[in-house]
Protein backbone atom coordinates (compact mmCIF):
# COMPACT_ATOMS: atom_id res chain seq x y z
CA UNK A 1 12.39 69.10 63.36
CA UNK A 2 15.41 69.22 60.69
CA UNK A 3 17.00 66.51 58.48
CA UNK A 4 19.82 66.08 61.29
CA UNK A 5 17.06 64.39 63.56
CA UNK A 6 14.30 63.46 61.80
CA UNK A 7 12.69 59.99 61.76
CA UNK A 8 10.03 58.43 59.93
CA UNK A 9 6.71 59.36 61.35
CA UNK A 10 3.93 56.46 62.07
CA UNK A 11 1.46 55.84 59.30
CA UNK A 12 -0.78 58.75 58.72
CA UNK A 13 -4.70 57.99 57.33
CA UNK A 14 -4.87 59.20 53.73
CA UNK A 15 -8.47 59.59 51.97
CA UNK A 16 -8.24 56.09 50.38
CA UNK A 17 -6.82 54.48 53.59
CA UNK A 18 -3.25 54.96 55.10
CA UNK A 19 -0.15 55.93 53.51
CA UNK A 20 2.67 53.83 52.40
CA UNK A 21 6.14 53.49 54.43
CA UNK A 22 7.48 53.08 50.86
CA UNK A 23 6.49 56.00 49.50
CA UNK A 24 6.05 57.91 52.53
CA UNK A 25 8.90 59.38 54.55
CA UNK A 26 9.49 62.73 56.62
CA UNK A 27 11.81 64.09 53.83
CA UNK A 28 9.69 63.00 51.23
CA UNK A 29 6.22 64.34 52.21
CA UNK A 30 4.38 67.45 51.82
CA UNK A 31 4.96 70.77 53.66
CA UNK A 32 2.58 72.48 55.66
CA UNK A 33 1.73 75.93 54.04
CA UNK A 34 2.05 77.32 57.33
CA UNK A 35 5.50 78.01 58.41
CA UNK A 36 7.11 78.12 54.91
CA UNK A 37 10.18 80.39 55.15
CA UNK A 38 11.71 80.57 51.86
CA UNK A 39 10.78 84.37 50.59
CA UNK A 40 11.16 86.33 47.37
CA UNK A 41 14.96 86.69 48.57
CA UNK A 42 15.86 83.30 49.07
CA UNK A 43 14.31 82.42 45.34
CA UNK A 44 16.66 85.01 44.34
CA UNK A 45 19.84 83.67 45.88
CA UNK A 46 19.14 80.30 44.16
CA UNK A 47 19.77 82.38 40.64
CA UNK A 48 22.32 84.63 42.20
CA UNK A 49 24.58 81.54 43.28
CA UNK A 50 23.52 79.35 40.25
CA UNK A 51 24.02 82.07 37.21
CA UNK A 52 27.18 82.97 38.52
CA UNK A 53 29.16 79.51 38.26
CA UNK A 54 32.22 79.24 36.94
CA UNK A 55 30.43 76.69 34.42
CA UNK A 56 28.46 79.06 33.00
CA UNK A 57 31.17 82.03 32.78
CA UNK A 58 33.08 79.80 31.00
CA UNK A 59 30.22 79.09 28.31
CA UNK A 60 29.21 82.49 28.20
CA UNK A 61 32.68 83.94 27.50
CA UNK A 62 33.27 81.39 24.51
CA UNK A 63 30.23 83.03 23.15
CA UNK A 64 32.66 86.22 22.64
CA UNK A 65 35.48 83.57 21.30
CA UNK A 66 32.90 82.21 18.91
CA UNK A 67 32.36 85.59 17.05
CA UNK A 68 29.39 86.77 19.07
CA UNK A 69 29.48 90.75 19.73
CA UNK A 70 28.40 92.31 22.89
CA UNK A 71 25.35 92.76 21.53
CA UNK A 72 24.63 89.25 20.06
CA UNK A 73 26.00 88.18 23.55
CA UNK A 74 22.88 90.19 25.20
CA UNK A 75 20.58 89.45 22.98
CA UNK A 76 21.27 85.76 23.78
CA UNK A 77 20.74 85.82 27.41
CA UNK A 78 17.72 88.32 27.13
CA UNK A 79 15.59 85.98 24.94
CA UNK A 80 17.03 82.97 27.50
CA UNK A 81 16.02 84.61 30.39
CA UNK A 82 12.76 85.26 29.30
CA UNK A 83 12.32 81.78 28.32
CA UNK A 84 13.56 80.34 31.56
CA UNK A 85 11.43 82.78 33.62
CA UNK A 86 8.19 80.98 32.03
CA UNK A 87 9.55 77.77 32.25
CA UNK A 88 10.89 78.21 36.01
CA UNK A 89 7.95 80.03 37.29
CA UNK A 90 5.18 77.24 36.03
CA UNK A 91 7.76 74.39 37.79
CA UNK A 92 7.97 76.47 41.03
CA UNK A 93 4.33 76.74 41.12
CA UNK A 94 3.69 73.05 41.19
CA UNK A 95 6.01 72.72 44.29
CA UNK A 96 4.79 75.80 46.09
CA UNK A 97 0.86 73.96 45.24
CA UNK A 98 1.67 70.45 46.28
CA UNK A 99 4.86 70.99 48.65
CA UNK A 100 6.27 67.70 47.22
CA UNK A 101 9.71 66.98 46.28
CA UNK A 102 10.32 66.33 42.62
CA UNK A 103 10.73 62.41 42.79
CA UNK A 104 6.88 62.72 44.32
CA UNK A 105 5.93 65.24 41.90
CA UNK A 106 6.87 62.61 39.20
CA UNK A 107 4.26 60.49 40.15
CA UNK A 108 1.68 62.67 39.23
CA UNK A 109 2.47 61.79 35.64
CA UNK A 110 4.57 58.64 35.92
CA UNK A 111 2.80 56.48 38.52
CA UNK A 112 3.94 55.86 41.92
CA UNK A 113 6.75 53.42 40.75
CA UNK A 114 7.52 54.97 37.62
CA UNK A 115 8.17 57.95 38.82
CA UNK A 116 11.60 56.43 39.68
CA UNK A 117 12.99 56.63 36.40
CA UNK A 118 12.82 60.45 36.26
CA UNK A 119 14.19 60.89 39.59
CA UNK A 120 16.78 58.22 38.39
CA UNK A 121 17.58 60.58 35.53
CA UNK A 122 18.04 63.77 37.55
CA UNK A 123 20.35 62.12 40.38
CA UNK A 124 22.46 60.33 38.26
CA UNK A 125 23.38 63.58 36.37
CA UNK A 126 23.39 65.74 39.22
CA UNK A 127 26.09 63.04 41.14
CA UNK A 128 28.39 63.41 38.31
CA UNK A 129 28.47 67.41 37.69
CA UNK A 130 28.98 67.55 42.03
CA UNK A 131 31.80 65.52 41.57
CA UNK A 132 33.03 67.51 38.42
CA UNK A 133 32.17 71.35 40.47
CA UNK A 134 33.90 70.33 43.30
CA UNK A 135 36.88 69.53 41.36
CA UNK A 136 36.72 72.54 39.38
CA UNK A 137 36.52 74.29 42.75
CA UNK A 138 39.45 72.49 43.96
CA UNK A 139 41.31 73.41 41.32
CA UNK A 140 41.36 77.02 42.30
CA UNK A 141 41.88 76.53 46.07
CA UNK A 142 45.30 74.55 44.64
CA UNK A 143 45.94 77.38 42.59
CA UNK A 144 45.70 80.00 46.10
CA UNK A 145 47.27 77.60 48.44
CA UNK A 146 50.62 77.17 46.34
CA UNK A 147 50.60 81.35 45.52
CA UNK A 148 50.16 81.91 48.79
CA UNK A 149 52.65 78.99 50.29
CA UNK A 150 54.81 78.15 47.63
CA UNK A 151 56.47 75.19 49.40
CA UNK A 152 53.35 73.30 48.62
CA UNK A 153 54.24 73.07 45.03
CA UNK A 154 55.87 69.46 45.16
CA UNK A 155 52.78 68.06 46.34
CA UNK A 156 51.14 69.31 43.06
CA UNK A 157 53.49 67.50 41.15
CA UNK A 158 52.78 63.77 41.70
CA UNK A 159 49.92 61.53 40.67
CA UNK A 160 48.12 59.28 42.10
CA UNK A 161 44.60 57.89 40.24
CA UNK A 162 44.82 61.02 38.17
CA UNK A 163 45.12 63.58 41.21
CA UNK A 164 48.16 65.06 42.81
CA UNK A 165 48.44 65.06 46.49
CA UNK A 166 47.52 68.78 46.79
CA UNK A 167 44.78 68.03 44.69
CA UNK A 168 43.50 65.22 46.78
CA UNK A 169 44.00 67.30 50.05
CA UNK A 170 42.02 70.62 48.23
CA UNK A 171 38.60 68.15 46.72
CA UNK A 172 38.58 65.97 50.01
CA UNK A 173 38.55 69.38 51.84
CA UNK A 174 35.69 71.14 49.89
CA UNK A 175 33.90 67.65 49.36
CA UNK A 176 33.82 67.37 53.15
CA UNK A 177 32.68 70.91 53.94
CA UNK A 178 29.62 70.38 51.51
CA UNK A 179 28.64 67.16 53.10
CA UNK A 180 28.62 68.83 56.65
CA UNK A 181 26.58 71.91 55.35
CA UNK A 182 23.77 69.30 53.74
CA UNK A 183 23.98 67.44 56.64
CA UNK A 184 21.91 70.05 58.49
CA UNK A 185 19.22 69.90 55.97
CA UNK A 186 17.63 72.50 53.65
CA UNK A 187 17.70 75.16 56.38
CA UNK A 188 21.27 75.11 56.56
CA UNK A 189 21.64 75.59 52.67
CA UNK A 190 18.97 78.10 52.77
CA UNK A 191 21.25 80.21 55.32
CA UNK A 192 24.66 79.28 53.07
CA UNK A 193 23.05 80.71 49.68
CA UNK A 194 22.01 83.79 51.60
CA UNK A 195 25.38 84.38 52.54
CA UNK A 196 27.14 83.38 49.45
CA UNK A 197 24.76 85.37 46.85
CA UNK A 198 25.90 88.89 48.05
CA UNK A 199 29.35 87.77 48.27
CA UNK A 200 29.69 86.50 44.91
CA UNK A 201 27.46 89.18 43.24
CA UNK A 202 30.03 91.91 44.92
CA UNK A 203 33.10 89.77 43.90
CA UNK A 204 32.46 89.34 40.43
CA UNK A 205 30.98 93.21 40.14
CA UNK A 206 34.43 94.47 41.44
CA UNK A 207 36.43 92.38 39.23
CA UNK A 208 34.39 93.99 36.21
CA UNK A 209 35.09 97.21 37.59
CA UNK A 210 38.54 96.59 38.03
CA UNK A 211 39.19 95.00 34.06
CA UNK A 212 37.40 98.14 32.96
CA UNK A 213 39.80 100.44 34.66
CA UNK A 214 42.47 98.43 33.68
CA UNK A 215 41.22 98.55 29.96
CA UNK A 216 41.48 102.32 30.33
CA UNK A 217 37.66 102.76 30.23
CA UNK A 218 36.40 101.16 27.18
CA UNK A 219 36.26 97.51 25.99
CA UNK A 220 36.48 95.68 22.47
CA UNK A 221 32.78 95.10 21.54
CA UNK A 222 33.85 91.84 19.49
CA UNK A 223 36.82 89.59 18.27
CA UNK A 224 38.72 90.61 15.49
CA UNK A 225 36.12 88.77 13.07
CA UNK A 226 32.82 88.88 14.33
CA UNK A 227 29.76 86.78 13.05
CA UNK A 228 27.14 88.87 10.77
CA UNK A 229 24.19 88.51 9.60
CA UNK A 230 22.02 85.47 9.38
CA UNK A 231 25.04 83.48 11.01
CA UNK A 232 24.95 85.68 14.02
CA UNK A 233 21.45 85.14 14.67
CA UNK A 234 21.60 81.18 14.28
CA UNK A 235 24.17 81.63 17.00
CA UNK A 236 22.29 83.79 18.91
CA UNK A 237 19.44 81.57 19.03
CA UNK A 238 21.79 78.17 19.64
CA UNK A 239 23.27 80.11 22.50
CA UNK A 240 19.88 80.97 24.17
CA UNK A 241 18.94 77.60 23.27
CA UNK A 242 21.96 76.16 24.98
CA UNK A 243 21.70 78.40 28.09
CA UNK A 244 18.13 76.98 28.64
CA UNK A 245 19.37 73.28 28.52
CA UNK A 246 22.33 74.30 31.21
CA UNK A 247 19.10 74.76 33.75
CA UNK A 248 17.00 71.89 31.75
CA UNK A 249 18.05 70.11 35.67
CA UNK A 250 16.64 73.04 37.62
CA UNK A 251 13.28 73.34 35.58
CA UNK A 252 12.45 69.37 36.57
CA UNK A 253 13.41 70.09 40.52
CA UNK A 254 12.85 73.36 41.22
CA UNK A 255 9.95 72.13 43.04
CA UNK A 256 12.42 70.82 45.81
CA UNK A 257 13.11 74.57 46.60
CA UNK A 258 9.66 75.71 46.25
CA UNK A 259 8.04 73.26 48.39
CA UNK A 260 8.90 75.77 51.41
CA UNK A 261 8.10 79.04 49.41
CA UNK A 262 5.74 81.67 50.98
CA UNK A 263 3.49 82.40 48.06
CA UNK A 264 3.38 82.50 44.87
CA UNK A 265 3.96 86.18 44.54
CA UNK A 266 7.60 85.17 46.30
CA UNK A 267 8.43 82.62 43.60
CA UNK A 268 7.32 85.28 40.85
CA UNK A 269 9.33 88.17 42.71
CA UNK A 270 12.85 85.97 43.12
CA UNK A 271 12.42 84.82 39.77
CA UNK A 272 12.24 88.20 38.17
CA UNK A 273 15.04 89.76 39.93
CA UNK A 274 16.95 86.21 40.01
CA UNK A 275 16.54 85.24 36.08
CA UNK A 276 15.70 88.12 33.66
CA UNK A 277 17.38 91.01 35.63
CA UNK A 278 20.45 88.63 37.45
CA UNK A 279 20.92 87.08 34.09
CA UNK A 280 21.35 90.38 32.28
CA UNK A 281 23.88 91.53 35.03
CA UNK A 282 25.95 88.43 34.42
CA UNK A 283 26.20 88.98 30.64
CA UNK A 284 27.25 92.72 30.99
CA UNK A 285 30.01 90.96 33.50
CA UNK A 286 31.02 88.36 31.03
CA UNK A 287 31.31 91.20 27.88
CA UNK A 288 33.00 93.37 30.23
CA UNK A 289 35.87 90.69 31.26
CA UNK A 290 36.20 89.15 27.93
CA UNK A 291 35.97 92.48 26.03
CA UNK A 292 38.55 94.48 28.49
CA UNK A 293 41.03 91.28 28.45
CA UNK A 294 40.93 91.10 24.47
CA UNK A 295 41.53 95.27 24.37
CA UNK A 296 44.54 94.83 26.87
CA UNK A 297 46.22 91.98 24.81
CA UNK A 298 43.76 90.36 22.26
CA UNK A 299 44.06 87.15 24.71
CA UNK A 300 40.36 85.42 25.00
CA UNK A 301 40.19 84.54 28.28
CA UNK A 302 38.05 81.18 29.02
CA UNK A 303 37.24 81.68 32.69
CA UNK A 304 37.42 84.21 35.29
CA UNK A 305 39.94 82.33 37.24
CA UNK A 306 42.14 83.44 34.16
CA UNK A 307 41.40 87.22 35.48
CA UNK A 308 41.83 86.00 39.22
CA UNK A 309 45.08 84.53 38.98
CA UNK A 310 46.57 87.72 37.23
CA UNK A 311 45.48 90.36 40.43
CA UNK A 312 48.85 91.27 41.93
CA UNK A 313 47.76 92.14 45.15
CA UNK A 314 47.87 88.61 47.55
CA UNK A 315 45.28 90.16 50.04
CA UNK A 316 43.01 90.79 46.87
CA UNK A 317 43.92 87.58 45.06
CA UNK A 318 42.89 85.36 48.00
CA UNK A 319 39.64 87.20 48.50
CA UNK A 320 38.73 86.59 44.95
CA UNK A 321 39.88 83.35 44.64
CA UNK A 322 37.94 82.29 48.01
CA UNK A 323 34.80 83.98 46.60
CA UNK A 324 34.48 81.54 43.81
CA UNK A 325 35.35 78.59 45.77
CA UNK A 326 32.28 79.88 48.00
CA UNK A 327 30.19 80.49 44.96
CA UNK A 328 30.69 76.94 43.41
CA UNK A 329 30.20 75.24 46.39
CA UNK A 330 26.31 77.10 46.77
CA UNK A 331 26.24 76.11 42.78
CA UNK A 332 26.88 72.42 43.86
CA UNK A 333 24.84 72.58 46.78
CA UNK A 334 21.54 73.78 44.54
CA UNK A 335 22.37 72.44 41.54
CA UNK A 336 23.82 68.70 42.01
CA UNK A 337 23.37 68.14 45.51
CA UNK A 338 19.90 68.11 46.47
CA UNK A 339 18.34 66.39 43.56
CA UNK A 340 20.22 63.12 43.97
CA UNK A 341 19.36 63.05 47.89
CA UNK A 342 15.62 63.30 47.48
CA UNK A 343 16.25 60.46 44.75
CA UNK A 344 17.93 58.08 46.42
CA UNK A 345 15.47 58.62 49.35
CA UNK A 346 12.77 57.90 47.00
CA UNK A 347 14.79 54.54 45.66
CA UNK A 348 15.47 53.63 49.41
CA UNK A 349 13.04 55.11 51.63
CA UNK A 350 13.00 52.63 54.45
CA UNK A 351 16.75 53.17 54.91
CA UNK A 352 17.62 56.78 53.72
CA UNK A 353 17.08 59.95 54.97
CA UNK A 354 17.89 63.37 54.27
CA UNK A 355 21.73 63.24 55.87
CA UNK A 356 22.19 60.06 55.14
CA UNK A 357 21.39 60.37 51.54
CA UNK A 358 23.59 63.30 51.38
CA UNK A 359 26.30 60.68 52.43
CA UNK A 360 26.02 58.54 49.80
CA UNK A 361 25.36 61.18 47.54
CA UNK A 362 28.67 62.47 47.99
CA UNK A 363 30.73 59.13 48.34
CA UNK A 364 29.15 58.11 44.77
CA UNK A 365 30.49 61.69 43.66
CA UNK A 366 34.03 61.15 44.79
CA UNK A 367 34.60 57.28 43.67
CA UNK A 368 33.66 58.22 40.34
CA UNK A 369 36.99 60.10 39.83
CA UNK A 370 35.19 63.04 38.45
CA UNK A 371 38.41 64.88 37.24
CA UNK A 372 39.05 61.66 34.79
CA UNK A 373 34.93 62.63 33.68
CA UNK A 374 36.05 65.98 33.38
CA UNK A 375 39.18 65.14 31.29
CA UNK A 376 37.32 63.28 28.98
CA UNK A 377 35.21 64.74 25.75
CA UNK A 378 33.51 61.41 25.22
CA UNK A 379 32.36 60.71 28.75
CA UNK A 380 31.06 64.68 28.61
CA UNK A 381 29.58 64.70 25.38
CA UNK A 382 28.02 61.38 25.43
CA UNK A 383 27.39 60.13 28.98
CA UNK A 384 26.29 63.32 30.32
CA UNK A 385 25.22 65.30 27.09
CA UNK A 386 22.91 61.89 26.28
CA UNK A 387 21.43 61.92 29.86
CA UNK A 388 21.07 65.86 29.76
CA UNK A 389 18.75 65.39 26.55
CA UNK A 390 16.52 62.91 28.38
CA UNK A 391 15.40 65.66 30.79
CA UNK A 392 13.65 67.44 28.04
CA UNK A 393 10.88 64.83 27.12
CA UNK A 394 10.61 64.34 31.03
CA UNK A 395 9.80 68.10 31.57
CA UNK A 396 7.21 67.65 28.98
CA UNK A 397 5.31 64.82 30.02
CA UNK A 398 5.45 66.41 33.40
CA UNK A 399 3.99 69.73 32.76
CA UNK A 400 1.46 68.57 30.11
CA UNK A 401 0.39 66.40 32.81
CA UNK A 402 -0.11 69.04 35.39
CA UNK A 403 -0.98 72.28 33.64
CA UNK A 404 -3.00 71.07 30.54
CA UNK A 405 -4.43 67.65 31.40
CA UNK A 406 -5.29 68.08 35.23
CA UNK A 407 -5.21 71.94 35.13
CA UNK A 408 -2.92 71.88 38.26
CA UNK A 409 -5.62 69.74 40.66
CA UNK A 410 -3.29 66.88 42.46
CA UNK A 411 -4.90 64.77 45.19
CA UNK A 412 -1.64 64.89 47.12
CA UNK A 413 -2.34 62.37 49.48
CA UNK A 414 -2.67 59.66 46.65
CA UNK A 415 0.63 60.28 46.10
CA UNK A 416 1.74 58.15 49.03
CA UNK A 417 -0.89 55.41 48.72
CA UNK A 418 -0.39 52.20 47.44
CA UNK A 419 -4.13 51.09 46.64
CA UNK A 420 -4.92 49.85 43.81
CA UNK A 421 -8.03 52.52 43.38
CA UNK A 422 -5.30 55.65 43.91
CA UNK A 423 -5.22 58.14 41.47
CA UNK A 424 -1.42 57.60 40.82
CA UNK A 425 -1.61 53.92 40.64
CA UNK A 426 -2.47 53.46 37.06
CA UNK A 427 -1.10 49.88 36.01
CA UNK A 428 0.99 48.46 38.71
CA UNK A 429 2.28 51.91 40.07
CA UNK A 430 3.48 52.63 36.31
CA UNK A 431 1.73 54.89 33.63
CA UNK A 432 2.01 53.21 30.41
CA UNK A 433 0.92 56.17 28.24
CA UNK A 434 3.69 58.57 29.95
CA UNK A 435 6.28 56.16 29.25
CA UNK A 436 5.14 56.11 25.90
CA UNK A 437 5.37 59.62 25.34
CA UNK A 438 8.67 59.85 27.12
CA UNK A 439 10.31 57.50 24.78
CA UNK A 440 10.05 58.20 21.00
CA UNK A 441 11.09 62.23 22.39
CA UNK A 442 13.88 60.70 24.22
CA UNK A 443 14.84 58.69 21.38
CA UNK A 444 14.77 61.86 19.22
CA UNK A 445 15.78 64.13 21.71
CA UNK A 446 19.27 61.96 22.14
CA UNK A 447 19.96 61.48 18.34
CA UNK A 448 19.69 65.03 17.92
CA UNK A 449 22.02 66.01 20.52
CA UNK A 450 24.81 63.13 19.75
CA UNK A 451 24.58 62.14 16.04
CA UNK A 452 27.17 64.14 14.19
CA UNK A 453 24.76 64.86 11.14
CA UNK A 454 22.75 66.84 13.51
CA UNK A 455 25.63 69.15 15.32
CA UNK A 456 24.31 72.31 13.55
CA UNK A 457 21.18 71.79 15.63
CA UNK A 458 22.37 70.09 18.93
CA UNK A 459 21.50 72.85 21.07
CA UNK A 460 17.91 72.59 20.43
CA UNK A 461 17.72 68.91 21.17
CA UNK A 462 16.28 69.96 25.19
CA UNK A 463 13.39 71.85 23.62
CA UNK A 464 12.97 69.13 20.90
CA UNK A 465 12.54 66.55 23.47
CA UNK A 466 10.31 68.68 25.49
CA UNK A 467 7.63 69.68 22.61
CA UNK A 468 7.80 65.96 21.60
CA UNK A 469 7.06 64.65 25.13
CA UNK A 470 4.38 67.37 25.92
CA UNK A 471 2.63 66.92 22.12
CA UNK A 472 2.67 63.25 22.46
CA UNK A 473 1.49 63.01 25.91
CA UNK A 474 -1.60 65.72 25.37
CA UNK A 475 -2.67 63.25 22.18
CA UNK A 476 -2.59 59.84 24.09
CA UNK A 477 -3.63 60.73 28.07
CA UNK A 478 -6.26 59.27 29.68
CA UNK A 479 -9.18 62.10 29.67
CA UNK A 480 -11.49 59.57 31.27
CA UNK A 481 -10.40 59.30 35.09
CA UNK A 482 -11.34 61.61 37.71
CA UNK A 483 -8.91 64.20 38.58
CA UNK A 484 -9.44 65.84 42.07
CA UNK A 485 -7.91 68.45 43.64
CA UNK A 486 -6.92 67.35 47.59
CA UNK A 487 -4.19 69.13 49.58
CA UNK A 488 -1.80 67.32 51.65
CA UNK A 489 -1.94 69.06 54.86
CA UNK A 490 -3.21 66.01 56.90
CA UNK A 491 -0.10 64.22 56.26
CA UNK A 492 2.13 67.40 55.67
CA UNK A 493 5.38 67.82 57.68
CA UNK A 494 6.97 71.53 59.19
CA UNK A 495 8.69 73.15 56.31
CA UNK A 496 12.59 73.78 56.58
């Protein structure tokens, strides 16, 4: 069964009575251990696609522009990749053990109703970035079309709601393609990633080799006045911290994918190749692209699209552009489409399934007119930056509850029970201690992220929030309540 034809199964008995139709649907149910299909390669393709996004390249190339030399950039990504490997492996193990998506996983710490808080925050951030990433891909497609068909240029010279006619056509086209892929469920997303990952890696590697040859077989190791000493190492630490922040969304809902993983070993193997190895490969491509361009003409590029547009051969230009578009679509599906789908199903379980929630998410990503958001520094820095800072304390509370308090013991059936005696009912469905730990961590993290006074350390806001959330929760959590380890096989559905 897939999300395309899934319907809500009948009420299924649990250890404490019956599952609740408000908490349990086919899409939110745990997955059966038998039949899970995600192996190490599938986990690797998550990172092979997501790491090489246009936004990530813009961030990494910006480090070269800020004055980090080649070795500083490599050091920043090495440190960040080690941290991310640890965080994502811990998060991934949670999904494999329980088989549940992030909105349900959050019920362990926040309660069966309180879990809507982290799910909503994660979903709002994802919907905004879904629209923005689709817009960025549409600009690449628009540039390709005008290069291939110059007669289309007049369509790019008018404006309606901030977009030209060509902009609307390319945006809606890519928007529709992503909606079709998602409508077939996680299985189709897995297949698309398996196709996009090698395409992306081969294209970016070929682009780097081409630039290296153009630059005469060598590159500039830095800009003319690079950072040195303590200033350089502070930038290295901030760059590593910001790279982890970029993945602050993924470390929360990695369980949406690993709930279909075959084993812990497949998660570890996929993460090893996909995070430390792949991220260093990404960093090498960054320094080659930026260093080669700087050697050629002293210009600092802002994105791989700057180089793609200079490819003299029309056929190669088309191939490279299409590869970048395929990459951006893959990133969007992974990081920005799956999370709001599960969040919406959790909020409206009786009305939405995976397919319908995908439509709602896509429509929301359209009506916010994302190009206007992207062009507004106030919106990006304050709205999305502030919401992003909230992800740290959420992660801290959830990790502390699962690993420190419960020692990874979870009563999966009770995650779907409204019985007041249920393990995750707490007080009317909310865990006040989790909320009490989240609020101060969130307030301080947002302050660090947004208040100009703290700008020098703003990049560490996610870590500040995560550490505070975990520490406060570890201090005030209720350790007297019984903790049971019960699997969810009795109410599980087939993994996609």
